[in-house]
Structure formats: structure tokens, C-alpha cells
């Protein structure tokens, strides 16, 4: 069901942007696709570090102004998972699905409805943030504010650099956070697996760059 919904989000969002004259994401058949993926990965790591820094500032602000606090939720402990080392794979599911839904489709939809770019970025960011208020962080409205600000940054990154940069930024951020949750468990295999997940966006982009340069057949020249 999620895959079907994402398909329609991707097709609908892409069509709206094409009507506005913007080609928001390249395909395999496009020349320079591999290089574009690799560059998107590099920007993703840089933007990820920036967003993590902004997030820490927001945590300090929430603590100082609203005395926010977080508690350990036993239901979310790694010990409750059958295969804890698969946890960081959720970074890829979240990064791809949420950027397709809230950036590619969401911004396009609200921009078509309201015409204002900032409003088109803000509204899907707020909806996205509401889905993150179930974390064990109190009061919950500080989580809403924090994630909405991050969503605005994701939105401007999407409009500036395209879909793949937004996806890589999201995947890298979640991979680092989830990879660290493995690495701090004190087990060597968990630590190595966590480090692998942190490097996986780079490895994926590098492999795509190589495979595209190797396997993609150039289109025949047009006959004059």
C-alpha cells in the first residue's frame, strides 16, 4: 500500500513540476545521471551535518524556553528487535518515501493551490512534523516546532538542488542517527554495522556513478 501511494505521489508531483517547466529529478537514461547522483550525495552529507547542527540548537532552545525533556521508551529499545542490525535500513525507507510525499508532491500541490513558495514549503513541513510528535519528547509541541524547521530546510534544499539531494540529505541524517544507536551498544559487530550504514549513501552513489558510466549506452546521434 505504501509503494502504491508513493508511486502516485511521484507521478503526480513530477507532472505538476513538469507543467511548471522544472525537471525535478533525472532518470538513468539521462546523460550525467551518475554524476548527478554522486554530487547529490556529497551535498546530502554536507546538508545533513548542517541540519544536525540546527537540530541541536533547537534542542537547546526547547530546553531553555519550554523545559523540554526526553524519556527512554522501552518499546523502542533495540533489544526488542529480532534483527537490530536492520534498523538503519529504515533510514532509506523514510528518506525516499517522505521526500517523495512531502517535498516532491507536497510542495508542488500546495504551490499550485496557494502560489506562495514559503507557504508551499511550510504546510507540508507542518504535516510531516505532526507525524513525528509521537516520540517520547515532551512537551510534544516542541517536537512539532523542531521538525517543522527541519522540514523547511529540506524544502529549500529540494527546490535549490532537486529531489535526489533532498533524499540523500534525509537518508544520511537518519543513517547517522540510527547507525550511532547501533554503535553505542558496545558490541563490535554492531559498531562496524553502524559505521557501514553511515557510509552506505556514499557507497551507493559511487556505485551508481561507476555503473552509469559503464553500462549506459550513448544515444545515437540524430540524422541531419
C-alpha atoms as a PDB file:
ATOM      1  CA  UNK A   1       0.000   0.000   0.000  1.00  0.00           C
ATOM      2  CA  UNK A   2       2.857   2.350   0.803  1.00  0.00           C
ATOM      3  CA  UNK A   3       4.525   1.594  -2.513  1.00  0.00           C
ATOM      4  CA  UNK A   4       1.287   2.278  -4.424  1.00  0.00           C
ATOM      5  CA  UNK A   5       0.797   5.589  -2.622  1.00  0.00           C
ATOM      6  CA  UNK A   6       4.408   6.581  -3.281  1.00  0.00           C
ATOM      7  CA  UNK A   7       4.008   5.756  -6.958  1.00  0.00           C
ATOM      8  CA  UNK A   8       1.091   8.150  -7.289  1.00  0.00           C
ATOM      9  CA  UNK A   9       2.912  10.814  -5.235  1.00  0.00           C
ATOM     10  CA  UNK A  10       5.940  10.523  -7.509  1.00  0.00           C
ATOM     11  CA  UNK A  11       3.953  10.593 -10.755  1.00  0.00           C
ATOM     12  CA  UNK A  12       1.642  13.396  -9.635  1.00  0.00           C
ATOM     13  CA  UNK A  13       4.402  15.538  -8.162  1.00  0.00           C
ATOM     14  CA  UNK A  14       6.610  15.086 -11.200  1.00  0.00           C
ATOM     15  CA  UNK A  15       3.774  16.014 -13.545  1.00  0.00           C
ATOM     16  CA  UNK A  16       2.953  19.203 -11.626  1.00  0.00           C
ATOM     17  CA  UNK A  17       6.597  20.301 -11.711  1.00  0.00           C
ATOM     18  CA  UNK A  18       6.851  19.491 -15.430  1.00  0.00           C
ATOM     19  CA  UNK A  19       3.828  21.710 -16.060  1.00  0.00           C
ATOM     20  CA  UNK A  20       5.805  24.486 -14.378  1.00  0.00           C
ATOM     21  CA  UNK A  21       8.794  23.761 -16.606  1.00  0.00           C
ATOM     22  CA  UNK A  22      11.031  22.153 -13.955  1.00  0.00           C
ATOM     23  CA  UNK A  23      12.635  18.738 -14.402  1.00  0.00           C
ATOM     24  CA  UNK A  24      12.920  17.883 -10.709  1.00  0.00           C
ATOM     25  CA  UNK A  25      14.753  14.550 -10.947  1.00  0.00           C
ATOM     26  CA  UNK A  26      16.943  12.916 -13.548  1.00  0.00           C
ATOM     27  CA  UNK A  27      16.498   9.370 -14.901  1.00  0.00           C
ATOM     28  CA  UNK A  28      19.014   6.657 -15.680  1.00  0.00           C
ATOM     29  CA  UNK A  29      18.712   7.329 -19.399  1.00  0.00           C
ATOM     30  CA  UNK A  30      19.775  10.955 -18.967  1.00  0.00           C
ATOM     31  CA  UNK A  31      23.352  11.915 -19.691  1.00  0.00           C
ATOM     32  CA  UNK A  32      25.136  12.887 -16.484  1.00  0.00           C
ATOM     33  CA  UNK A  33      22.774  10.868 -14.257  1.00  0.00           C
ATOM     34  CA  UNK A  34      25.595   9.091 -12.408  1.00  0.00           C
ATOM     35  CA  UNK A  35      27.489  12.325 -11.775  1.00  0.00           C
ATOM     36  CA  UNK A  36      24.266  13.992 -10.624  1.00  0.00           C
ATOM     37  CA  UNK A  37      23.630  11.199  -8.112  1.00  0.00           C
ATOM     38  CA  UNK A  38      27.212  11.447  -6.831  1.00  0.00           C
ATOM     39  CA  UNK A  39      27.028  15.231  -6.451  1.00  0.00           C
ATOM     40  CA  UNK A  40      23.648  14.915  -4.726  1.00  0.00           C
ATOM     41  CA  UNK A  41      25.218  12.518  -2.244  1.00  0.00           C
ATOM     42  CA  UNK A  42      28.027  14.977  -1.485  1.00  0.00           C
ATOM     43  CA  UNK A  43      25.584  17.815  -0.921  1.00  0.00           C
ATOM     44  CA  UNK A  44      23.481  15.440   1.166  1.00  0.00           C
ATOM     45  CA  UNK A  45      26.304  14.772   3.619  1.00  0.00           C
ATOM     46  CA  UNK A  46      27.086  18.493   3.947  1.00  0.00           C
ATOM     47  CA  UNK A  47      23.445  19.488   4.404  1.00  0.00           C
ATOM     48  CA  UNK A  48      22.971  16.624   6.848  1.00  0.00           C
ATOM     49  CA  UNK A  49      25.729  17.983   9.103  1.00  0.00           C
ATOM     50  CA  UNK A  50      24.192  21.454   8.875  1.00  0.00           C
ATOM     51  CA  UNK A  51      20.731  20.143   9.788  1.00  0.00           C
ATOM     52  CA  UNK A  52      22.086  18.125  12.714  1.00  0.00           C
ATOM     53  CA  UNK A  53      23.693  21.316  13.997  1.00  0.00           C
ATOM     54  CA  UNK A  54      20.423  23.238  13.634  1.00  0.00           C
ATOM     55  CA  UNK A  55      18.626  20.425  15.433  1.00  0.00           C
ATOM     56  CA  UNK A  56      20.971  20.690  18.420  1.00  0.00           C
ATOM     57  CA  UNK A  57      20.346  24.445  18.621  1.00  0.00           C
ATOM     58  CA  UNK A  58      16.598  23.772  18.564  1.00  0.00           C
ATOM     59  CA  UNK A  59      17.002  21.207  21.352  1.00  0.00           C
ATOM     60  CA  UNK A  60      18.825  23.795  23.478  1.00  0.00           C
ATOM     61  CA  UNK A  61      16.139  26.383  22.701  1.00  0.00           C
ATOM     62  CA  UNK A  62      13.338  23.974  23.628  1.00  0.00           C
ATOM     63  CA  UNK A  63      15.127  23.036  26.844  1.00  0.00           C
ATOM     64  CA  UNK A  64      15.711  26.655  27.844  1.00  0.00           C
ATOM     65  CA  UNK A  65      12.309  28.057  26.876  1.00  0.00           C
ATOM     66  CA  UNK A  66       9.932  25.140  27.450  1.00  0.00           C
ATOM     67  CA  UNK A  67      11.969  22.841  29.738  1.00  0.00           C
ATOM     68  CA  UNK A  68      11.538  20.002  27.285  1.00  0.00           C
ATOM     69  CA  UNK A  69      12.783  16.554  28.187  1.00  0.00           C
ATOM     70  CA  UNK A  70      13.043  13.101  26.660  1.00  0.00           C
ATOM     71  CA  UNK A  71      12.473   9.737  28.288  1.00  0.00           C
ATOM     72  CA  UNK A  72      13.602   6.243  27.389  1.00  0.00           C
ATOM     73  CA  UNK A  73      10.796   4.336  25.763  1.00  0.00           C
ATOM     74  CA  UNK A  74      11.365   0.605  26.400  1.00  0.00           C
ATOM     75  CA  UNK A  75       9.187  -0.302  23.417  1.00  0.00           C
ATOM     76  CA  UNK A  76      11.723   1.345  21.097  1.00  0.00           C
ATOM     77  CA  UNK A  77      14.800  -0.360  22.544  1.00  0.00           C
ATOM     78  CA  UNK A  78      16.978  -2.310  20.136  1.00  0.00           C
ATOM     79  CA  UNK A  79      16.642  -5.374  22.367  1.00  0.00           C
ATOM     80  CA  UNK A  80      13.018  -5.645  21.267  1.00  0.00           C
ATOM     81  CA  UNK A  81      14.003  -6.152  17.640  1.00  0.00           C
ATOM     82  CA  UNK A  82      14.591  -9.586  16.154  1.00  0.00           C
ATOM     83  CA  UNK A  83      17.432  -8.257  13.986  1.00  0.00           C
ATOM     84  CA  UNK A  84      18.645  -4.927  15.449  1.00  0.00           C
ATOM     85  CA  UNK A  85      21.271  -4.525  12.736  1.00  0.00           C
ATOM     86  CA  UNK A  86      18.489  -3.988  10.183  1.00  0.00           C
ATOM     87  CA  UNK A  87      17.227  -0.872  11.995  1.00  0.00           C
ATOM     88  CA  UNK A  88      19.213   1.666   9.900  1.00  0.00           C
ATOM     89  CA  UNK A  89      17.567   0.368   6.727  1.00  0.00           C
ATOM     90  CA  UNK A  90      14.566   2.405   7.873  1.00  0.00           C
ATOM     91  CA  UNK A  91      16.628   5.483   7.001  1.00  0.00           C
ATOM     92  CA  UNK A  92      16.301   4.558   3.322  1.00  0.00           C
ATOM     93  CA  UNK A  93      12.581   3.895   3.535  1.00  0.00           C
ATOM     94  CA  UNK A  94      11.943   7.143   5.419  1.00  0.00           C
ATOM     95  CA  UNK A  95      14.263   9.231   3.254  1.00  0.00           C
ATOM     96  CA  UNK A  96      12.769   8.075  -0.036  1.00  0.00           C
ATOM     97  CA  UNK A  97       9.100   7.889   0.951  1.00  0.00           C
ATOM     98  CA  UNK A  98       8.939  11.121   2.942  1.00  0.00           C
ATOM     99  CA  UNK A  99      10.806  13.232   0.395  1.00  0.00           C
ATOM    100  CA  UNK A 100       8.590  11.948  -2.414  1.00  0.00           C
ATOM    101  CA  UNK A 101       5.473  12.657  -0.367  1.00  0.00           C
ATOM    102  CA  UNK A 102       6.215  15.922   1.441  1.00  0.00           C
ATOM    103  CA  UNK A 103       8.696  17.609  -0.875  1.00  0.00           C
ATOM    104  CA  UNK A 104       8.175  16.404  -4.464  1.00  0.00           C
ATOM    105  CA  UNK A 105       4.393  16.040  -4.191  1.00  0.00           C
ATOM    106  CA  UNK A 106       3.556  18.175  -1.140  1.00  0.00           C
ATOM    107  CA  UNK A 107       5.345  21.344  -2.193  1.00  0.00           C
ATOM    108  CA  UNK A 108       4.084  21.020  -5.772  1.00  0.00           C
ATOM    109  CA  UNK A 109       0.490  20.564  -4.578  1.00  0.00           C
ATOM    110  CA  UNK A 110       0.453  23.490  -2.146  1.00  0.00           C
ATOM    111  CA  UNK A 111       2.320  25.736  -4.561  1.00  0.00           C
ATOM    112  CA  UNK A 112      -0.342  25.012  -7.160  1.00  0.00           C
ATOM    113  CA  UNK A 113      -3.052  25.791  -4.588  1.00  0.00           C
ATOM    114  CA  UNK A 114      -1.640  28.906  -2.914  1.00  0.00           C
ATOM    115  CA  UNK A 115       1.054  30.189  -5.325  1.00  0.00           C
ATOM    116  CA  UNK A 116       3.287  31.341  -2.425  1.00  0.00           C
ATOM    117  CA  UNK A 117       6.560  29.410  -2.246  1.00  0.00           C
ATOM    118  CA  UNK A 118       7.114  29.766   1.504  1.00  0.00           C
ATOM    119  CA  UNK A 119       3.574  28.617   2.272  1.00  0.00           C
ATOM    120  CA  UNK A 120       4.042  25.692  -0.107  1.00  0.00           C
ATOM    121  CA  UNK A 121       7.132  24.669   1.883  1.00  0.00           C
ATOM    122  CA  UNK A 122       5.683  25.378   5.331  1.00  0.00           C
ATOM    123  CA  UNK A 123       2.401  23.462   5.070  1.00  0.00           C
ATOM    124  CA  UNK A 124       3.809  20.039   4.085  1.00  0.00           C
ATOM    125  CA  UNK A 125       6.588  20.586   6.641  1.00  0.00           C
ATOM    126  CA  UNK A 126       3.974  21.027   9.379  1.00  0.00           C
ATOM    127  CA  UNK A 127       2.091  17.919   8.249  1.00  0.00           C
ATOM    128  CA  UNK A 128       5.376  15.988   8.156  1.00  0.00           C
ATOM    129  CA  UNK A 129       6.263  17.277  11.634  1.00  0.00           C
ATOM    130  CA  UNK A 130       2.924  16.140  13.065  1.00  0.00           C
ATOM    131  CA  UNK A 131       3.866  12.583  12.171  1.00  0.00           C
ATOM    132  CA  UNK A 132       6.941  12.866  14.391  1.00  0.00           C
ATOM    133  CA  UNK A 133       5.251  14.085  17.581  1.00  0.00           C
ATOM    134  CA  UNK A 134       4.755  10.549  18.868  1.00  0.00           C
ATOM    135  CA  UNK A 135       8.376  10.366  20.021  1.00  0.00           C
ATOM    136  CA  UNK A 136       8.930  10.320  23.787  1.00  0.00           C
ATOM    137  CA  UNK A 137       9.860  14.021  23.894  1.00  0.00           C
ATOM    138  CA  UNK A 138       7.778  16.410  25.983  1.00  0.00           C
ATOM    139  CA  UNK A 139       6.067  18.797  25.594  1.00  0.00           C
ATOM    140  CA  UNK A 140       5.138  17.425  22.180  1.00  0.00           C
ATOM    141  CA  UNK A 141       4.726  20.861  20.581  1.00  0.00           C
ATOM    142  CA  UNK A 142       8.471  21.466  20.850  1.00  0.00           C
ATOM    143  CA  UNK A 143       8.955  18.399  18.649  1.00  0.00           C
ATOM    144  CA  UNK A 144       6.441  19.865  16.192  1.00  0.00           C
ATOM    145  CA  UNK A 145       8.429  23.116  16.036  1.00  0.00           C
ATOM    146  CA  UNK A 146      11.778  21.338  15.725  1.00  0.00           C
ATOM    147  CA  UNK A 147      10.768  19.000  12.890  1.00  0.00           C
ATOM    148  CA  UNK A 148       8.864  21.736  11.044  1.00  0.00           C
ATOM    149  CA  UNK A 149      12.027  23.867  10.946  1.00  0.00           C
ATOM    150  CA  UNK A 150      13.982  20.898   9.621  1.00  0.00           C
ATOM    151  CA  UNK A 151      11.266  20.321   7.028  1.00  0.00           C
ATOM    152  CA  UNK A 152      11.608  23.904   5.808  1.00  0.00           C
ATOM    153  CA  UNK A 153      15.344  23.332   5.304  1.00  0.00           C
ATOM    154  CA  UNK A 154      14.607  20.121   3.401  1.00  0.00           C
ATOM    155  CA  UNK A 155      12.095  22.014   1.285  1.00  0.00           C
ATOM    156  CA  UNK A 156      14.508  24.731   0.243  1.00  0.00           C
ATOM    157  CA  UNK A 157      17.191  22.108  -0.424  1.00  0.00           C
ATOM    158  CA  UNK A 158      14.742  20.306  -2.711  1.00  0.00           C
ATOM    159  CA  UNK A 159      13.900  23.474  -4.634  1.00  0.00           C
ATOM    160  CA  UNK A 160      17.548  24.508  -4.888  1.00  0.00           C
ATOM    161  CA  UNK A 161      19.212  21.210  -5.766  1.00  0.00           C
ATOM    162  CA  UNK A 162      16.440  18.783  -6.737  1.00  0.00           C
ATOM    163  CA  UNK A 163      14.874  15.630  -5.377  1.00  0.00           C
ATOM    164  CA  UNK A 164      17.979  13.460  -5.068  1.00  0.00           C
ATOM    165  CA  UNK A 165      19.804  15.949  -2.842  1.00  0.00           C
ATOM    166  CA  UNK A 166      16.793  16.089  -0.508  1.00  0.00           C
ATOM    167  CA  UNK A 167      16.616  12.289  -0.410  1.00  0.00           C
ATOM    168  CA  UNK A 168      20.335  11.855   0.253  1.00  0.00           C
ATOM    169  CA  UNK A 169      20.234  14.518   2.978  1.00  0.00           C
ATOM    170  CA  UNK A 170      17.374  12.723   4.699  1.00  0.00           C
ATOM    171  CA  UNK A 171      18.872   9.249   4.298  1.00  0.00           C
ATOM    172  CA  UNK A 172      22.288  10.363   5.516  1.00  0.00           C
ATOM    173  CA  UNK A 173      20.870  12.121   8.557  1.00  0.00           C
ATOM    174  CA  UNK A 174      18.802   9.108   9.609  1.00  0.00           C
ATOM    175  CA  UNK A 175      21.653   6.699   8.795  1.00  0.00           C
ATOM    176  CA  UNK A 176      23.997   8.608  11.084  1.00  0.00           C
ATOM    177  CA  UNK A 177      21.482   8.760  13.940  1.00  0.00           C
ATOM    178  CA  UNK A 178      20.417   5.125  13.595  1.00  0.00           C
ATOM    179  CA  UNK A 179      23.975   3.959  12.949  1.00  0.00           C
ATOM    180  CA  UNK A 180      25.099   5.657  16.156  1.00  0.00           C
ATOM    181  CA  UNK A 181      22.287   3.940  18.057  1.00  0.00           C
ATOM    182  CA  UNK A 182      23.887   0.660  16.983  1.00  0.00           C
ATOM    183  CA  UNK A 183      27.466   1.745  17.544  1.00  0.00           C
ATOM    184  CA  UNK A 184      26.909   2.742  21.190  1.00  0.00           C
ATOM    185  CA  UNK A 185      25.666  -0.724  22.155  1.00  0.00           C
ATOM    186  CA  UNK A 186      29.206  -1.832  22.967  1.00  0.00           C
ATOM    187  CA  UNK A 187      29.341  -4.746  20.538  1.00  0.00           C
ATOM    188  CA  UNK A 188      31.971  -4.845  17.826  1.00  0.00           C
ATOM    189  CA  UNK A 189      29.598  -6.221  15.180  1.00  0.00           C
ATOM    190  CA  UNK A 190      27.035  -3.521  15.953  1.00  0.00           C
ATOM    191  CA  UNK A 191      29.697  -0.808  15.802  1.00  0.00           C
ATOM    192  CA  UNK A 192      31.014  -1.983  12.435  1.00  0.00           C
ATOM    193  CA  UNK A 193      27.487  -2.341  11.061  1.00  0.00           C
ATOM    194  CA  UNK A 194      26.610   1.155  12.264  1.00  0.00           C
ATOM    195  CA  UNK A 195      29.672   2.609  10.535  1.00  0.00           C
ATOM    196  CA  UNK A 196      28.780   0.735   7.352  1.00  0.00           C
ATOM    197  CA  UNK A 197      25.294   2.243   7.330  1.00  0.00           C
ATOM    198  CA  UNK A 198      26.764   5.736   7.808  1.00  0.00           C
ATOM    199  CA  UNK A 199      28.961   5.194   4.740  1.00  0.00           C
ATOM    200  CA  UNK A 200      26.254   3.449   2.680  1.00  0.00           C
ATOM    201  CA  UNK A 201      24.941   6.616   0.929  1.00  0.00           C
ATOM    202  CA  UNK A 202      28.475   7.279  -0.347  1.00  0.00           C
ATOM    203  CA  UNK A 203      28.941   3.661  -1.439  1.00  0.00           C
ATOM    204  CA  UNK A 204      25.584   3.649  -3.239  1.00  0.00           C
ATOM    205  CA  UNK A 205      26.304   6.913  -5.072  1.00  0.00           C
ATOM    206  CA  UNK A 206      29.818   5.826  -6.037  1.00  0.00           C
ATOM    207  CA  UNK A 207      28.475   2.517  -7.384  1.00  0.00           C
ATOM    208  CA  UNK A 208      25.784   4.369  -9.360  1.00  0.00           C
ATOM    209  CA  UNK A 209      28.374   6.703 -10.858  1.00  0.00           C
ATOM    210  CA  UNK A 210      30.521   3.757 -11.940  1.00  0.00           C
ATOM    211  CA  UNK A 211      27.648   1.637 -13.271  1.00  0.00           C
ATOM    212  CA  UNK A 212      26.098   4.503 -15.204  1.00  0.00           C
ATOM    213  CA  UNK A 213      29.402   5.351 -16.867  1.00  0.00           C
ATOM    214  CA  UNK A 214      29.988   1.667 -17.658  1.00  0.00           C
ATOM    215  CA  UNK A 215      26.562   0.362 -18.660  1.00  0.00           C
ATOM    216  CA  UNK A 216      24.681   3.285 -20.123  1.00  0.00           C
ATOM    217  CA  UNK A 217      24.773   3.205 -23.882  1.00  0.00           C
ATOM    218  CA  UNK A 218      25.008   6.626 -25.523  1.00  0.00           C
ATOM    219  CA  UNK A 219      22.082   7.574 -27.693  1.00  0.00           C
ATOM    220  CA  UNK A 220      22.756   7.504 -31.427  1.00  0.00           C
ATOM    221  CA  UNK A 221      23.352  10.882 -32.992  1.00  0.00           C
ATOM    222  CA  UNK A 222      20.363  12.397 -34.718  1.00  0.00           C
ATOM    223  CA  UNK A 223      20.358  12.179 -38.511  1.00  0.00           C
ATOM    224  CA  UNK A 224      20.680  15.561 -40.179  1.00  0.00           C
END
